[in-house]
Amino acid sequence: MYLRTPADLGSLIRERRKKLGLDQAELAHRARVSRLWLSQVERGKPRAAVGLVLRTLQVLGVRLLVDAERASARGSADLEVPDIDAIVTRATKSKAR
């Protein structure tokens, strides 16, 4: 599945949650987020905190992969696999300023 929009991400989370037989309250509890936040993300909330999204995906057993081969086939041969930890750290530091 390709995720291109916040709505795509919300659909993925909702579908996986239902497949696992979890209601929103149980998933929210396990991911340590509010049920309201989860509901908004499932509806495609565009400004969800990345850390909370990643934690929710982890609870659902969803892994995000970068398709470097596909990007390369489109002429982006020098693309590197992004370091998500570094990106989150930079974002956190810039927010603290």
N, C-alpha and C. Protein backbone atom coordinates (compact mmCIF):
# COMPACT_ATOMS: atom_id res chain seq x y z
N MET A 1 0.85 -1.18 0.00
CA MET A 1 0.00 0.00 0.00
C MET A 1 0.89 1.24 0.00
N TYR A 2 0.57 2.18 -0.85
CA TYR A 2 1.30 3.43 -0.88
C TYR A 2 0.53 4.49 -0.10
N LEU A 3 1.25 5.18 0.78
CA LEU A 3 0.65 6.24 1.57
C LEU A 3 1.04 7.57 0.95
N ARG A 4 0.05 8.29 0.46
CA ARG A 4 0.32 9.56 -0.19
C ARG A 4 -0.31 10.74 0.55
N THR A 5 -1.30 10.47 1.36
CA THR A 5 -2.01 11.54 2.05
C THR A 5 -2.29 11.13 3.49
N PRO A 6 -2.63 12.11 4.34
CA PRO A 6 -3.04 11.77 5.70
C PRO A 6 -4.25 10.83 5.71
N ALA A 7 -5.14 10.97 4.74
CA ALA A 7 -6.31 10.10 4.67
C ALA A 7 -5.89 8.65 4.38
N ASP A 8 -4.85 8.47 3.55
CA ASP A 8 -4.33 7.12 3.28
C ASP A 8 -3.81 6.50 4.58
N LEU A 9 -3.08 7.29 5.35
CA LEU A 9 -2.54 6.80 6.63
C LEU A 9 -3.68 6.45 7.58
N GLY A 10 -4.68 7.30 7.65
CA GLY A 10 -5.83 7.03 8.51
C GLY A 10 -6.56 5.76 8.11
N SER A 11 -6.71 5.55 6.82
CA SER A 11 -7.36 4.32 6.34
C SER A 11 -6.56 3.09 6.71
N LEU A 12 -5.24 3.18 6.57
CA LEU A 12 -4.37 2.06 6.94
C LEU A 12 -4.53 1.71 8.42
N ILE A 13 -4.50 2.72 9.26
CA ILE A 13 -4.62 2.50 10.70
C ILE A 13 -5.98 1.89 11.03
N ARG A 14 -7.05 2.45 10.48
CA ARG A 14 -8.40 1.94 10.74
C ARG A 14 -8.55 0.49 10.28
N GLU A 15 -8.09 0.20 9.06
CA GLU A 15 -8.22 -1.17 8.53
C GLU A 15 -7.44 -2.17 9.36
N ARG A 16 -6.22 -1.82 9.73
CA ARG A 16 -5.38 -2.73 10.54
C ARG A 16 -6.00 -2.92 11.92
N ARG A 17 -6.49 -1.84 12.52
CA ARG A 17 -7.11 -1.92 13.85
C ARG A 17 -8.28 -2.88 13.81
N LYS A 18 -9.13 -2.73 12.81
CA LYS A 18 -10.31 -3.59 12.70
C LYS A 18 -9.91 -5.03 12.43
N LYS A 19 -8.90 -5.24 11.60
CA LYS A 19 -8.43 -6.59 11.30
C LYS A 19 -7.94 -7.29 12.57
N LEU A 20 -7.34 -6.52 13.48
CA LEU A 20 -6.86 -7.07 14.74
C LEU A 20 -7.96 -7.18 15.79
N GLY A 21 -9.17 -6.73 15.45
CA GLY A 21 -10.30 -6.82 16.37
C GLY A 21 -10.24 -5.83 17.52
N LEU A 22 -9.59 -4.70 17.29
CA LEU A 22 -9.47 -3.67 18.33
C LEU A 22 -10.47 -2.55 18.07
N ASP A 23 -11.05 -2.04 19.14
CA ASP A 23 -11.84 -0.82 18.97
C ASP A 23 -10.90 0.37 19.19
N GLN A 24 -11.38 1.55 18.92
CA GLN A 24 -10.52 2.73 19.05
C GLN A 24 -10.01 2.91 20.47
N ALA A 25 -10.84 2.66 21.44
CA ALA A 25 -10.43 2.86 22.84
C ALA A 25 -9.28 1.93 23.21
N GLU A 26 -9.33 0.67 22.77
CA GLU A 26 -8.27 -0.28 23.11
C GLU A 26 -6.96 0.08 22.41
N LEU A 27 -7.04 0.42 21.12
CA LEU A 27 -5.81 0.81 20.42
C LEU A 27 -5.23 2.08 21.04
N ALA A 28 -6.07 3.04 21.34
CA ALA A 28 -5.60 4.28 21.95
C ALA A 28 -4.89 3.98 23.28
N HIS A 29 -5.45 3.09 24.07
CA HIS A 29 -4.83 2.73 25.35
C HIS A 29 -3.46 2.10 25.12
N ARG A 30 -3.39 1.14 24.20
CA ARG A 30 -2.12 0.45 23.93
C ARG A 30 -1.05 1.37 23.37
N ALA A 31 -1.47 2.34 22.54
CA ALA A 31 -0.52 3.27 21.92
C ALA A 31 -0.24 4.49 22.79
N ARG A 32 -0.95 4.59 23.92
CA ARG A 32 -0.82 5.72 24.84
C ARG A 32 -1.15 7.05 24.16
N VAL A 33 -2.28 7.04 23.44
CA VAL A 33 -2.81 8.25 22.82
C VAL A 33 -4.27 8.35 23.23
N SER A 34 -4.89 9.49 22.98
CA SER A 34 -6.31 9.61 23.31
C SER A 34 -7.17 9.00 22.21
N ARG A 35 -8.36 8.57 22.56
CA ARG A 35 -9.27 8.02 21.56
C ARG A 35 -9.66 9.10 20.57
N LEU A 36 -9.82 10.34 21.03
CA LEU A 36 -10.15 11.46 20.15
C LEU A 36 -9.05 11.66 19.10
N TRP A 37 -7.78 11.64 19.54
CA TRP A 37 -6.66 11.79 18.62
C TRP A 37 -6.70 10.68 17.57
N LEU A 38 -6.89 9.45 18.02
CA LEU A 38 -6.94 8.31 17.10
C LEU A 38 -8.08 8.47 16.09
N SER A 39 -9.23 8.89 16.56
CA SER A 39 -10.37 9.11 15.68
C SER A 39 -10.04 10.15 14.62
N GLN A 40 -9.39 11.23 15.01
CA GLN A 40 -9.03 12.28 14.06
C GLN A 40 -8.02 11.77 13.03
N VAL A 41 -7.04 10.98 13.47
CA VAL A 41 -6.05 10.43 12.55
C VAL A 41 -6.72 9.49 11.56
N GLU A 42 -7.62 8.65 12.05
CA GLU A 42 -8.32 7.73 11.16
C GLU A 42 -9.16 8.47 10.12
N ARG A 43 -9.57 9.68 10.43
CA ARG A 43 -10.33 10.49 9.48
C ARG A 43 -9.43 11.36 8.59
N GLY A 44 -8.11 11.22 8.75
CA GLY A 44 -7.18 11.94 7.87
C GLY A 44 -6.67 13.26 8.40
N LYS A 45 -6.64 13.42 9.72
CA LYS A 45 -6.12 14.66 10.31
C LYS A 45 -4.72 14.95 9.74
N PRO A 46 -4.53 16.11 9.11
CA PRO A 46 -3.27 16.38 8.42
C PRO A 46 -2.10 16.76 9.32
N ARG A 47 -2.32 17.09 10.55
CA ARG A 47 -1.21 17.56 11.39
C ARG A 47 -0.98 16.68 12.61
N ALA A 48 -1.07 15.39 12.43
CA ALA A 48 -0.84 14.47 13.55
C ALA A 48 0.65 14.41 13.87
N ALA A 49 0.98 14.34 15.15
CA ALA A 49 2.38 14.26 15.59
C ALA A 49 3.00 12.95 15.10
N VAL A 50 4.14 13.07 14.44
CA VAL A 50 4.79 11.91 13.85
C VAL A 50 5.12 10.85 14.89
N GLY A 51 5.61 11.26 16.04
CA GLY A 51 5.96 10.30 17.08
C GLY A 51 4.77 9.45 17.51
N LEU A 52 3.62 10.09 17.64
CA LEU A 52 2.42 9.36 18.04
C LEU A 52 1.95 8.43 16.93
N VAL A 53 2.07 8.89 15.69
CA VAL A 53 1.70 8.04 14.55
C VAL A 53 2.59 6.81 14.52
N LEU A 54 3.91 7.01 14.66
CA LEU A 54 4.84 5.88 14.63
C LEU A 54 4.58 4.91 15.78
N ARG A 55 4.27 5.43 16.94
CA ARG A 55 3.98 4.57 18.09
C ARG A 55 2.71 3.76 17.83
N THR A 56 1.71 4.39 17.24
CA THR A 56 0.46 3.69 16.92
C THR A 56 0.71 2.60 15.88
N LEU A 57 1.49 2.91 14.85
CA LEU A 57 1.81 1.90 13.84
C LEU A 57 2.58 0.73 14.45
N GLN A 58 3.45 1.02 15.40
CA GLN A 58 4.21 -0.04 16.06
C GLN A 58 3.27 -0.99 16.81
N VAL A 59 2.31 -0.44 17.53
CA VAL A 59 1.33 -1.26 18.25
C VAL A 59 0.56 -2.15 17.28
N LEU A 60 0.28 -1.62 16.10
CA LEU A 60 -0.47 -2.38 15.09
C LEU A 60 0.41 -3.36 14.32
N GLY A 61 1.71 -3.32 14.56
CA GLY A 61 2.62 -4.21 13.85
C GLY A 61 2.86 -3.80 12.41
N VAL A 62 2.72 -2.51 12.11
CA VAL A 62 2.92 -1.99 10.76
C VAL A 62 4.34 -1.43 10.66
N ARG A 63 5.06 -1.88 9.62
CA ARG A 63 6.41 -1.38 9.37
C ARG A 63 6.38 -0.51 8.12
N LEU A 64 7.07 0.62 8.19
CA LEU A 64 7.17 1.51 7.04
C LEU A 64 8.49 1.21 6.33
N LEU A 65 8.42 1.04 5.02
CA LEU A 65 9.61 0.77 4.22
C LEU A 65 9.74 1.82 3.14
N VAL A 66 10.95 2.14 2.79
CA VAL A 66 11.21 3.06 1.70
C VAL A 66 11.48 2.23 0.46
N ASP A 67 10.79 2.51 -0.61
CA ASP A 67 10.95 1.76 -1.85
C ASP A 67 12.00 2.46 -2.71
N ALA A 68 13.27 2.28 -2.36
CA ALA A 68 14.36 2.94 -3.07
C ALA A 68 14.45 2.46 -4.51
N GLU A 69 14.11 1.20 -4.76
CA GLU A 69 14.17 0.67 -6.12
C GLU A 69 13.18 1.41 -7.02
N ARG A 70 11.98 1.62 -6.54
CA ARG A 70 10.96 2.32 -7.33
C ARG A 70 11.41 3.76 -7.60
N ALA A 71 11.95 4.42 -6.57
CA ALA A 71 12.43 5.79 -6.75
C ALA A 71 13.57 5.82 -7.76
N SER A 72 14.45 4.84 -7.71
CA SER A 72 15.56 4.76 -8.63
C SER A 72 15.06 4.58 -10.07
N ALA A 73 14.04 3.77 -10.24
CA ALA A 73 13.49 3.53 -11.58
C ALA A 73 12.89 4.80 -12.17
N ARG A 74 12.51 5.74 -11.31
CA ARG A 74 11.93 7.00 -11.79
C ARG A 74 13.00 8.06 -12.02
N GLY A 75 14.28 7.67 -11.93
CA GLY A 75 15.36 8.62 -12.22
C GLY A 75 15.94 9.29 -11.01
N SER A 76 15.69 8.78 -9.83
CA SER A 76 16.24 9.36 -8.61
C SER A 76 17.29 8.40 -8.05
N ALA A 77 18.27 8.05 -8.85
CA ALA A 77 19.24 7.02 -8.49
C ALA A 77 20.06 7.37 -7.26
N ASP A 78 20.27 8.65 -6.98
CA ASP A 78 21.09 8.98 -5.83
C ASP A 78 20.30 9.19 -4.56
N LEU A 79 19.06 8.73 -4.52
CA LEU A 79 18.29 8.82 -3.28
C LEU A 79 18.85 7.87 -2.24
N GLU A 80 18.94 8.34 -1.03
CA GLU A 80 19.39 7.50 0.07
C GLU A 80 18.19 7.16 0.93
N VAL A 81 18.29 6.06 1.65
CA VAL A 81 17.24 5.71 2.59
C VAL A 81 17.29 6.73 3.72
N PRO A 82 16.18 7.39 4.01
CA PRO A 82 16.18 8.43 5.04
C PRO A 82 16.39 7.87 6.43
N ASP A 83 17.09 8.62 7.26
CA ASP A 83 17.30 8.26 8.66
C ASP A 83 16.18 8.93 9.46
N ILE A 84 15.11 8.16 9.72
CA ILE A 84 13.93 8.70 10.40
C ILE A 84 14.30 9.26 11.77
N ASP A 85 15.18 8.57 12.51
CA ASP A 85 15.57 9.04 13.83
C ASP A 85 16.20 10.44 13.75
N ALA A 86 17.06 10.64 12.77
CA ALA A 86 17.71 11.94 12.61
C ALA A 86 16.70 13.02 12.25
N ILE A 87 15.76 12.68 11.41
CA ILE A 87 14.72 13.64 11.00
C ILE A 87 13.89 14.06 12.20
N VAL A 88 13.47 13.09 13.01
CA VAL A 88 12.66 13.39 14.20
C VAL A 88 13.47 14.21 15.19
N THR A 89 14.75 13.87 15.37
CA THR A 89 15.60 14.62 16.30
C THR A 89 15.74 16.07 15.86
N ARG A 90 15.98 16.29 14.55
CA ARG A 90 16.10 17.66 14.04
C ARG A 90 14.79 18.43 14.24
N ALA A 91 13.68 17.77 13.98
CA ALA A 91 12.38 18.43 14.13
C ALA A 91 12.13 18.80 15.58
N THR A 92 12.50 17.91 16.48
CA THR A 92 12.31 18.16 17.91
C THR A 92 13.17 19.32 18.37
N LYS A 93 14.42 19.36 17.91
CA LYS A 93 15.33 20.46 18.29
C LYS A 93 14.82 21.79 17.76
N SER A 94 14.35 21.83 16.52
CA SER A 94 13.87 23.09 15.96
C SER A 94 12.60 23.56 16.65
N LYS A 95 11.79 22.62 17.13
CA LYS A 95 10.58 22.98 17.85
C LYS A 95 10.89 23.59 19.21
N ALA A 96 11.99 23.12 19.83
CA ALA A 96 12.38 23.58 21.15
C ALA A 96 12.90 25.01 21.13
N ARG A 97 13.33 25.48 19.97
CA ARG A 97 13.91 26.84 19.88
C ARG A 97 12.89 27.90 20.03
